[in-house]
């Protein structure tokens, strides 16, 4: 059984997913720390949220939303655990994050991703995100996207 639901960003499940994502990105980009961090408070209501995909009772994916400005939210720290990849969880998570953004009253979602994540770039492009100029100043990002909800 697969469920997609909100989880407090400070919960043990969310913290574990965020830590795993950060560790993988630090290794992938060979940087000492993640640029543009998002704190658990950034990923909490009223302006943010954290969404988890559960498969048979196990948390297999998670990601957050962080308010940028009125009407605009940023997708942050989207991650699928390695053993659950290639099963559609990233697409489920993205849809859950977009639904949550709508519920929170946002009209647009922005995100950035790096050159060493071509699968992420392909997911966003195939999900209706369009390329925009650098809005984040993230030094490891190579692509910036936006979608109107």
N, C-alpha and C. Protein backbone atom coordinates (compact mmCIF):
# COMPACT_ATOMS: atom_id res chain seq x y z
N UNK A 1 0.83 -1.18 0.00
CA UNK A 1 0.00 0.00 0.00
C UNK A 1 0.89 1.25 0.00
N UNK A 2 0.51 2.23 -0.81
CA UNK A 2 1.26 3.47 -0.92
C UNK A 2 0.38 4.62 -0.45
N UNK A 3 0.95 5.46 0.41
CA UNK A 3 0.27 6.66 0.92
C UNK A 3 1.19 7.86 0.74
N UNK A 4 0.59 9.01 0.48
CA UNK A 4 1.33 10.27 0.42
C UNK A 4 0.64 11.19 1.41
N UNK A 5 1.40 11.64 2.43
CA UNK A 5 0.78 12.49 3.44
C UNK A 5 1.80 13.43 4.08
N UNK A 6 1.28 14.48 4.68
CA UNK A 6 2.13 15.43 5.40
C UNK A 6 2.66 14.82 6.68
N UNK A 7 3.83 15.29 7.03
CA UNK A 7 4.52 14.84 8.25
C UNK A 7 5.22 16.07 8.82
N UNK A 8 5.22 16.27 10.13
CA UNK A 8 5.97 17.40 10.68
C UNK A 8 7.45 17.32 10.28
N UNK A 9 8.00 18.43 9.83
CA UNK A 9 9.38 18.45 9.36
C UNK A 9 10.38 18.14 10.46
N UNK A 10 9.98 18.31 11.71
CA UNK A 10 10.86 18.00 12.82
C UNK A 10 10.71 16.58 13.35
N UNK A 11 9.84 15.79 12.74
CA UNK A 11 9.64 14.42 13.20
C UNK A 11 10.86 13.56 12.89
N UNK A 12 11.03 12.45 13.61
CA UNK A 12 12.16 11.56 13.31
C UNK A 12 12.18 11.08 11.86
N UNK A 13 11.02 10.78 11.29
CA UNK A 13 10.95 10.31 9.90
C UNK A 13 11.45 11.39 8.94
N UNK A 14 10.93 12.61 9.10
CA UNK A 14 11.34 13.71 8.22
C UNK A 14 12.82 14.02 8.41
N UNK A 15 13.27 14.06 9.63
CA UNK A 15 14.69 14.36 9.89
C UNK A 15 15.61 13.30 9.25
N UNK A 16 15.20 12.04 9.31
CA UNK A 16 16.00 10.97 8.70
C UNK A 16 16.07 11.14 7.19
N UNK A 17 14.94 11.45 6.56
CA UNK A 17 14.93 11.66 5.10
C UNK A 17 15.77 12.88 4.73
N UNK A 18 15.64 13.96 5.48
CA UNK A 18 16.42 15.16 5.20
C UNK A 18 17.92 14.91 5.37
N UNK A 19 18.29 14.17 6.41
CA UNK A 19 19.71 13.87 6.64
C UNK A 19 20.27 12.98 5.53
N UNK A 20 19.49 12.00 5.09
CA UNK A 20 19.94 11.10 4.01
C UNK A 20 20.11 11.89 2.71
N UNK A 21 19.18 12.79 2.42
CA UNK A 21 19.27 13.60 1.21
C UNK A 21 20.51 14.48 1.26
N UNK A 22 20.72 15.12 2.41
CA UNK A 22 21.87 16.00 2.54
C UNK A 22 23.19 15.23 2.38
N UNK A 23 23.29 14.07 3.00
CA UNK A 23 24.51 13.27 2.89
C UNK A 23 24.78 12.87 1.45
N UNK A 24 23.74 12.48 0.73
CA UNK A 24 23.92 12.09 -0.67
C UNK A 24 24.35 13.28 -1.52
N UNK A 25 23.76 14.45 -1.30
CA UNK A 25 24.10 15.63 -2.09
C UNK A 25 25.51 16.14 -1.76
N UNK A 26 25.90 16.08 -0.49
CA UNK A 26 27.26 16.49 -0.13
C UNK A 26 28.29 15.62 -0.85
N UNK A 27 28.02 14.34 -0.92
CA UNK A 27 28.91 13.42 -1.62
C UNK A 27 28.87 13.66 -3.13
N UNK A 28 27.68 13.80 -3.68
CA UNK A 28 27.52 13.98 -5.12
C UNK A 28 28.21 15.25 -5.62
N UNK A 29 28.10 16.33 -4.86
CA UNK A 29 28.65 17.61 -5.30
C UNK A 29 29.98 17.96 -4.63
N UNK A 30 30.46 17.08 -3.77
CA UNK A 30 31.75 17.28 -3.09
C UNK A 30 31.86 18.67 -2.47
N UNK A 31 30.85 19.03 -1.70
CA UNK A 31 30.85 20.31 -0.98
C UNK A 31 30.81 20.03 0.52
N UNK A 32 31.36 20.93 1.33
CA UNK A 32 31.39 20.68 2.78
C UNK A 32 30.04 20.87 3.47
N UNK A 33 29.16 21.66 2.87
CA UNK A 33 27.83 21.85 3.45
C UNK A 33 26.86 22.19 2.34
N UNK A 34 25.59 21.95 2.60
CA UNK A 34 24.56 22.24 1.62
C UNK A 34 24.35 23.75 1.54
N UNK A 35 24.36 24.30 0.34
CA UNK A 35 24.03 25.71 0.19
C UNK A 35 22.53 25.92 0.40
N UNK A 36 22.18 27.09 0.80
CA UNK A 36 20.77 27.47 0.95
C UNK A 36 19.98 26.46 1.78
N UNK A 37 20.37 26.20 3.00
CA UNK A 37 19.66 25.21 3.81
C UNK A 37 18.22 25.63 4.09
N UNK A 38 17.40 24.66 4.35
CA UNK A 38 16.02 24.89 4.78
C UNK A 38 15.89 24.24 6.15
N UNK A 39 15.53 25.03 7.14
CA UNK A 39 15.37 24.50 8.49
C UNK A 39 14.03 23.79 8.60
N UNK A 40 13.88 22.92 9.58
CA UNK A 40 12.55 22.31 9.79
C UNK A 40 11.45 23.36 9.94
N UNK A 41 11.77 24.50 10.58
CA UNK A 41 10.77 25.56 10.73
C UNK A 41 10.33 26.12 9.38
N UNK A 42 11.26 26.19 8.41
CA UNK A 42 10.91 26.67 7.06
C UNK A 42 9.90 25.75 6.38
N UNK A 43 9.93 24.47 6.77
CA UNK A 43 9.11 23.45 6.11
C UNK A 43 7.86 23.11 6.92
N UNK A 44 7.43 24.05 7.74
CA UNK A 44 6.24 23.86 8.58
C UNK A 44 5.19 24.91 8.22
N UNK A 45 3.92 24.59 8.49
CA UNK A 45 2.88 25.60 8.33
C UNK A 45 3.15 26.80 9.23
N UNK A 46 2.69 27.98 8.89
CA UNK A 46 1.69 28.18 7.86
C UNK A 46 2.25 28.33 6.45
N UNK A 47 3.55 28.63 6.31
CA UNK A 47 4.10 28.88 4.99
C UNK A 47 4.68 27.69 4.28
N UNK A 48 4.98 26.63 5.02
CA UNK A 48 5.63 25.47 4.42
C UNK A 48 4.98 24.17 4.83
N UNK A 49 5.59 23.09 4.38
CA UNK A 49 5.07 21.75 4.70
C UNK A 49 6.14 20.73 4.34
N UNK A 50 5.99 19.54 4.90
CA UNK A 50 6.84 18.40 4.54
C UNK A 50 5.92 17.25 4.19
N UNK A 51 6.21 16.58 3.08
CA UNK A 51 5.37 15.50 2.57
C UNK A 51 6.20 14.23 2.49
N UNK A 52 5.61 13.11 2.90
CA UNK A 52 6.29 11.82 2.89
C UNK A 52 5.48 10.82 2.08
N UNK A 53 6.18 10.01 1.28
CA UNK A 53 5.57 8.87 0.59
C UNK A 53 5.89 7.64 1.42
N UNK A 54 4.86 6.90 1.74
CA UNK A 54 4.96 5.67 2.53
C UNK A 54 4.63 4.48 1.64
N UNK A 55 5.43 3.45 1.70
CA UNK A 55 5.16 2.21 0.98
C UNK A 55 5.18 1.07 2.00
N UNK A 56 4.04 0.42 2.14
CA UNK A 56 3.92 -0.69 3.10
C UNK A 56 4.46 -0.31 4.47
N UNK A 57 4.10 0.89 4.93
CA UNK A 57 4.48 1.34 6.26
C UNK A 57 5.88 1.90 6.40
N UNK A 58 6.64 1.95 5.32
CA UNK A 58 8.00 2.48 5.36
C UNK A 58 8.05 3.82 4.62
N UNK A 59 8.73 4.79 5.22
CA UNK A 59 8.92 6.08 4.56
C UNK A 59 9.97 5.90 3.46
N UNK A 60 9.57 6.13 2.22
CA UNK A 60 10.47 5.90 1.08
C UNK A 60 10.85 7.18 0.33
N UNK A 61 10.17 8.28 0.62
CA UNK A 61 10.47 9.54 -0.07
C UNK A 61 9.93 10.69 0.75
N UNK A 62 10.58 11.85 0.60
CA UNK A 62 10.11 13.02 1.31
C UNK A 62 10.61 14.29 0.65
N UNK A 63 9.92 15.36 0.90
CA UNK A 63 10.32 16.65 0.38
C UNK A 63 9.51 17.75 1.03
N UNK A 64 10.04 18.96 0.93
CA UNK A 64 9.41 20.07 1.62
C UNK A 64 9.04 21.22 0.72
N UNK A 65 8.24 22.10 1.29
CA UNK A 65 7.85 23.34 0.66
C UNK A 65 8.24 24.48 1.59
N UNK A 66 8.87 25.50 1.02
CA UNK A 66 9.31 26.67 1.78
C UNK A 66 8.78 27.93 1.10
N UNK A 67 8.11 28.77 1.84
CA UNK A 67 7.55 30.00 1.30
C UNK A 67 8.68 30.91 0.82
N UNK A 68 8.54 31.41 -0.41
CA UNK A 68 9.50 32.39 -0.95
C UNK A 68 8.95 33.80 -0.86
N UNK A 69 7.72 33.97 -1.29
CA UNK A 69 7.06 35.27 -1.31
C UNK A 69 5.58 35.00 -1.44
N UNK A 70 4.74 36.02 -1.29
CA UNK A 70 3.30 35.75 -1.42
C UNK A 70 2.97 35.05 -2.74
N UNK A 71 2.29 33.93 -2.65
CA UNK A 71 1.87 33.18 -3.83
C UNK A 71 2.90 32.25 -4.42
N UNK A 72 4.16 32.28 -3.90
CA UNK A 72 5.23 31.48 -4.50
C UNK A 72 5.91 30.65 -3.39
N UNK A 73 6.03 29.36 -3.65
CA UNK A 73 6.67 28.44 -2.73
C UNK A 73 7.81 27.73 -3.45
N UNK A 74 8.82 27.33 -2.69
CA UNK A 74 9.95 26.61 -3.27
C UNK A 74 9.93 25.16 -2.81
N UNK A 75 10.14 24.27 -3.75
CA UNK A 75 10.28 22.85 -3.44
C UNK A 75 11.70 22.63 -2.93
N UNK A 76 11.83 22.01 -1.75
CA UNK A 76 13.13 21.83 -1.11
C UNK A 76 13.35 20.37 -0.73
N UNK A 77 14.56 19.89 -0.95
CA UNK A 77 15.05 18.63 -0.39
C UNK A 77 14.23 17.41 -0.78
N UNK A 78 13.80 17.38 -2.04
CA UNK A 78 13.06 16.21 -2.53
C UNK A 78 14.02 15.02 -2.62
N UNK A 79 13.61 13.88 -2.06
CA UNK A 79 14.51 12.74 -1.93
C UNK A 79 13.73 11.42 -1.92
N UNK A 80 14.27 10.43 -2.63
CA UNK A 80 13.75 9.07 -2.61
C UNK A 80 14.89 8.18 -2.13
N UNK A 81 14.60 7.31 -1.14
CA UNK A 81 15.65 6.43 -0.62
C UNK A 81 16.12 5.50 -1.75
N UNK A 82 17.42 5.20 -1.80
CA UNK A 82 17.97 4.44 -2.92
C UNK A 82 17.25 3.12 -3.21
N UNK A 83 16.89 2.37 -2.18
CA UNK A 83 16.27 1.07 -2.41
C UNK A 83 14.83 1.16 -2.93
N UNK A 84 14.26 2.38 -2.97
CA UNK A 84 12.89 2.55 -3.45
C UNK A 84 12.83 3.31 -4.78
N UNK A 85 13.95 3.54 -5.40
CA UNK A 85 13.97 4.31 -6.65
C UNK A 85 13.47 3.47 -7.83
N UNK A 86 13.07 4.18 -8.86
CA UNK A 86 12.57 3.58 -10.11
C UNK A 86 11.24 2.87 -9.92
N UNK A 87 10.45 3.33 -8.94
CA UNK A 87 9.12 2.77 -8.72
C UNK A 87 8.03 3.84 -8.75
N UNK A 88 8.37 5.03 -9.25
CA UNK A 88 7.39 6.10 -9.39
C UNK A 88 7.20 6.97 -8.16
N UNK A 89 8.01 6.76 -7.14
CA UNK A 89 7.83 7.53 -5.91
C UNK A 89 8.17 9.01 -6.08
N UNK A 90 9.15 9.34 -6.90
CA UNK A 90 9.50 10.75 -7.11
C UNK A 90 8.32 11.49 -7.73
N UNK A 91 7.67 10.88 -8.69
CA UNK A 91 6.51 11.51 -9.33
C UNK A 91 5.36 11.64 -8.32
N UNK A 92 5.15 10.61 -7.50
CA UNK A 92 4.11 10.67 -6.46
C UNK A 92 4.41 11.79 -5.47
N UNK A 93 5.66 11.88 -5.06
CA UNK A 93 6.06 12.92 -4.12
C UNK A 93 5.85 14.30 -4.72
N UNK A 94 6.26 14.48 -5.96
CA UNK A 94 6.09 15.78 -6.62
C UNK A 94 4.62 16.15 -6.68
N UNK A 95 3.76 15.22 -7.04
CA UNK A 95 2.32 15.49 -7.09
C UNK A 95 1.78 15.84 -5.70
N UNK A 96 2.25 15.13 -4.68
CA UNK A 96 1.82 15.42 -3.32
C UNK A 96 2.26 16.79 -2.86
N UNK A 97 3.47 17.19 -3.23
CA UNK A 97 3.97 18.52 -2.88
C UNK A 97 3.17 19.60 -3.61
N UNK A 98 2.87 19.38 -4.87
CA UNK A 98 2.07 20.35 -5.63
C UNK A 98 0.66 20.47 -5.04
N UNK A 99 0.04 19.34 -4.69
CA UNK A 99 -1.29 19.38 -4.06
C UNK A 99 -1.24 20.16 -2.75
N UNK A 100 -0.20 19.92 -1.96
CA UNK A 100 -0.05 20.61 -0.69
C UNK A 100 0.16 22.10 -0.92
N UNK A 101 0.94 22.46 -1.92
CA UNK A 101 1.15 23.89 -2.24
C UNK A 101 -0.18 24.56 -2.58
N UNK A 102 -1.01 23.88 -3.36
CA UNK A 102 -2.32 24.43 -3.70
C UNK A 102 -3.16 24.61 -2.43
N UNK A 103 -3.15 23.59 -1.57
CA UNK A 103 -3.92 23.66 -0.32
C UNK A 103 -3.46 24.83 0.56
N UNK A 104 -2.19 25.16 0.51
CA UNK A 104 -1.65 26.27 1.28
C UNK A 104 -1.86 27.62 0.60
N UNK A 105 -2.45 27.61 -0.60
CA UNK A 105 -2.80 28.84 -1.28
C UNK A 105 -1.76 29.37 -2.25
N UNK A 106 -0.78 28.56 -2.59
CA UNK A 106 0.25 29.02 -3.52
C UNK A 106 -0.20 28.86 -4.97
N UNK A 107 0.24 29.79 -5.82
CA UNK A 107 -0.09 29.75 -7.24
C UNK A 107 1.07 29.26 -8.09
N UNK A 108 2.30 29.36 -7.55
CA UNK A 108 3.48 28.93 -8.31
C UNK A 108 4.45 28.18 -7.41
N UNK A 109 5.16 27.24 -8.04
CA UNK A 109 6.22 26.48 -7.36
C UNK A 109 7.51 26.71 -8.12
N UNK A 110 8.58 26.97 -7.39
CA UNK A 110 9.92 27.10 -7.98
C UNK A 110 10.82 26.04 -7.36
N UNK A 111 11.88 25.74 -8.09
CA UNK A 111 12.88 24.81 -7.58
C UNK A 111 14.16 24.97 -8.37
N UNK A 112 15.24 24.45 -7.78
CA UNK A 112 16.50 24.37 -8.52
C UNK A 112 17.06 22.97 -8.37
N UNK A 113 17.91 22.59 -9.30
CA UNK A 113 18.55 21.28 -9.25
C UNK A 113 19.91 21.39 -9.92
N UNK A 114 20.76 20.43 -9.61
CA UNK A 114 22.13 20.48 -10.11
C UNK A 114 22.36 19.67 -11.37
N UNK A 115 23.48 19.91 -11.99
CA UNK A 115 23.84 19.24 -13.24
C UNK A 115 24.08 17.75 -13.06
N UNK A 116 24.36 17.32 -11.85
CA UNK A 116 24.63 15.90 -11.60
C UNK A 116 23.36 15.14 -11.24
N UNK A 117 22.21 15.74 -11.50
CA UNK A 117 20.92 15.11 -11.23
C UNK A 117 20.04 15.16 -12.48
N UNK A 118 20.48 14.53 -13.56
CA UNK A 118 19.68 14.60 -14.80
C UNK A 118 18.31 13.97 -14.66
N UNK A 119 18.17 12.96 -13.79
CA UNK A 119 16.86 12.34 -13.57
C UNK A 119 15.88 13.34 -12.96
N UNK A 120 16.37 14.20 -12.07
CA UNK A 120 15.52 15.22 -11.47
C UNK A 120 15.09 16.24 -12.53
N UNK A 121 16.04 16.67 -13.34
CA UNK A 121 15.72 17.62 -14.40
C UNK A 121 14.66 17.04 -15.33
N UNK A 122 14.81 15.79 -15.70
CA UNK A 122 13.84 15.14 -16.60
C UNK A 122 12.47 15.04 -15.94
N UNK A 123 12.43 14.73 -14.65
CA UNK A 123 11.15 14.65 -13.94
C UNK A 123 10.44 16.00 -13.97
N UNK A 124 11.15 17.05 -13.65
CA UNK A 124 10.51 18.37 -13.59
C UNK A 124 10.04 18.81 -14.97
N UNK A 125 10.86 18.61 -15.98
CA UNK A 125 10.46 19.00 -17.34
C UNK A 125 9.24 18.22 -17.80
N UNK A 126 9.20 16.91 -17.51
CA UNK A 126 8.06 16.09 -17.93
C UNK A 126 6.81 16.35 -17.10
N UNK A 127 6.97 17.09 -15.99
CA UNK A 127 5.83 17.40 -15.12
C UNK A 127 5.33 18.83 -15.32
N UNK A 128 5.79 19.49 -16.37
CA UNK A 128 5.27 20.80 -16.71
C UNK A 128 6.03 21.99 -16.17
N UNK A 129 7.19 21.75 -15.60
CA UNK A 129 8.01 22.87 -15.11
C UNK A 129 8.74 23.50 -16.29
N UNK A 130 8.85 24.82 -16.27
CA UNK A 130 9.56 25.52 -17.33
C UNK A 130 10.81 26.16 -16.76
N UNK A 131 11.80 26.25 -17.59
CA UNK A 131 13.08 26.84 -17.20
C UNK A 131 12.92 28.33 -16.94
N UNK A 132 13.54 28.80 -15.85
CA UNK A 132 13.54 30.23 -15.52
C UNK A 132 14.97 30.64 -15.18
N UNK A 133 15.24 31.95 -15.12
CA UNK A 133 16.58 32.41 -14.72
C UNK A 133 16.87 32.04 -13.25
N UNK A 134 18.13 32.05 -12.91
CA UNK A 134 18.57 31.78 -11.55
C UNK A 134 17.85 32.72 -10.58
N UNK A 135 17.09 32.17 -9.68
CA UNK A 135 16.40 32.96 -8.67
C UNK A 135 17.00 32.72 -7.28
N UNK A 136 17.86 31.71 -7.15
CA UNK A 136 18.25 31.26 -5.82
C UNK A 136 19.69 31.56 -5.44
N UNK A 137 20.56 31.73 -6.41
CA UNK A 137 21.97 31.92 -6.10
C UNK A 137 22.63 30.68 -5.54
N UNK A 138 22.02 29.52 -5.73
CA UNK A 138 22.56 28.26 -5.24
C UNK A 138 23.79 27.90 -6.09
N UNK A 139 24.97 27.80 -5.47
CA UNK A 139 26.19 27.56 -6.26
C UNK A 139 26.28 26.17 -6.90
N UNK A 140 25.52 25.20 -6.44
CA UNK A 140 25.57 23.88 -7.07
C UNK A 140 24.42 23.68 -8.07
N UNK A 141 23.50 24.62 -8.12
CA UNK A 141 22.38 24.50 -9.07
C UNK A 141 22.84 24.87 -10.47
N UNK A 142 22.27 24.18 -11.44
CA UNK A 142 22.54 24.47 -12.85
C UNK A 142 21.24 24.73 -13.61
N UNK A 143 20.11 24.38 -12.98
CA UNK A 143 18.80 24.51 -13.61
C UNK A 143 17.82 25.07 -12.60
N UNK A 144 16.98 25.99 -13.05
CA UNK A 144 15.96 26.61 -12.22
C UNK A 144 14.65 26.48 -12.95
N UNK A 145 13.62 26.08 -12.22
CA UNK A 145 12.32 25.80 -12.83
C UNK A 145 11.19 26.45 -12.05
N UNK A 146 10.07 26.61 -12.76
CA UNK A 146 8.86 27.14 -12.14
C UNK A 146 7.66 26.49 -12.80
N UNK A 147 6.60 26.32 -12.03
CA UNK A 147 5.34 25.79 -12.55
C UNK A 147 4.20 26.59 -11.94
N UNK A 148 3.26 26.97 -12.78
CA UNK A 148 2.03 27.59 -12.31
C UNK A 148 1.05 26.47 -11.97
N UNK A 149 0.52 26.53 -10.77
CA UNK A 149 -0.40 25.49 -10.31
C UNK A 149 -1.82 25.74 -10.76
